[in-house]
Protein backbone atom coordinates (compact mmCIF):
# COMPACT_ATOMS: atom_id res chain seq x y z
CA MET A 1 134.79 96.71 84.82
CA SER A 2 137.49 97.09 82.42
CA ASN A 3 137.94 100.04 80.17
CA ASN A 4 137.50 97.97 77.09
CA SER A 5 134.09 96.65 78.43
CA LYS A 6 133.05 100.38 79.13
CA VAL A 7 133.93 101.31 75.62
CA MET A 8 132.29 98.25 74.08
CA ILE A 9 129.08 99.09 76.07
CA GLY A 10 129.19 102.75 75.10
CA PHE A 11 129.55 101.69 71.43
CA LEU A 12 126.64 99.44 71.53
CA VAL A 13 124.41 102.04 73.38
CA GLY A 14 125.49 104.80 70.95
CA ALA A 15 124.85 102.61 67.79
CA ALA A 16 121.37 101.66 69.20
CA ILE A 17 120.54 105.27 69.83
CA GLY A 18 121.93 106.48 66.42
CA GLY A 19 120.06 103.72 64.55
CA ALA A 20 116.78 104.41 66.31
CA LEU A 21 116.95 108.12 65.54
CA GLY A 22 117.96 107.35 61.88
CA LEU A 23 115.05 105.02 61.54
CA LEU A 24 112.49 107.52 63.22
CA LEU A 25 113.53 110.55 61.23
CA ALA A 26 113.68 108.61 57.82
CA PRO A 27 110.82 109.62 55.44
CA ASP A 28 109.19 106.12 55.17
CA LYS A 29 105.85 104.72 55.80
CA GLY A 30 104.87 103.79 59.37
CA SER A 31 104.75 100.10 58.45
CA GLU A 32 108.23 100.11 56.88
CA THR A 33 109.69 102.10 59.85
CA ARG A 34 108.27 99.61 62.23
CA ARG A 35 109.70 96.65 60.34
CA LYS A 36 113.19 98.27 60.32
CA ILE A 37 112.91 98.88 64.07
CA VAL A 38 112.22 95.29 64.78
CA GLU A 39 115.09 94.12 62.53
CA THR A 40 117.39 96.43 64.13
CA GLY A 41 116.27 95.51 67.73
CA SER A 42 116.88 91.86 66.70
CA ASP A 43 120.24 92.69 65.33
CA LEU A 44 121.33 94.64 68.51
CA GLY A 45 120.03 91.77 70.58
CA ASP A 46 122.43 89.43 68.78
CA SER A 47 125.24 91.85 69.30
CA ILE A 48 124.58 91.91 72.97
CA ALA A 49 124.37 87.96 73.34
CA GLU A 50 127.70 87.69 71.45
CA PHE A 51 129.47 90.43 73.76
CA GLY A 52 127.92 88.52 76.85
CA ASP A 53 129.48 85.18 75.41
CA THR A 54 132.81 86.83 74.89
CA VAL A 55 132.80 88.33 78.43
CA LYS A 56 131.91 84.88 79.72
CA ASP A 57 134.61 83.19 77.85
CA LYS A 58 137.32 85.77 79.03
CA PHE A 59 136.21 85.48 82.53
CA SER A 60 136.35 81.59 82.22
CA GLU A 61 139.96 81.96 81.01
CA VAL A 62 140.83 84.38 83.92
CA VAL A 63 139.35 81.92 86.45
CA GLU A 64 141.31 78.81 84.89
CA GLY A 65 144.49 80.84 84.95
CA VAL A 66 143.94 81.75 88.63
CA ARG A 67 143.09 78.16 89.52
CA GLY A 68 146.18 76.90 87.66
CA SER A 69 148.49 79.41 89.50
CA PHE A 70 146.88 78.52 92.80
CA GLY A 71 147.47 74.85 92.03
CA LYS A 72 151.07 75.35 91.28
CA THR A 73 151.79 77.50 94.30
CA LYS A 74 149.94 75.04 96.54
CA ASN A 75 152.06 72.02 95.16
CA SER A 76 155.34 74.00 95.49
CA MET A 77 154.35 74.67 99.18
CA SER A 78 153.70 71.24 100.09
């Protein structure tokens, strides 16, 4: 796992913990707090899905680059 991935995961976890603590310690009614938690969870889920898509795209680019390099090397050796 690269350093950028670790930093992004750390940021997402920190944001989730900070958001949850902020919501739980806020002086709102219980129903309002539960609504905010659901919204924050949904937003966090969307962020994680976007991060996963980005990682998948980058991995695909790397795989294609390796395949291209392998193909060029294979052709030059033939």
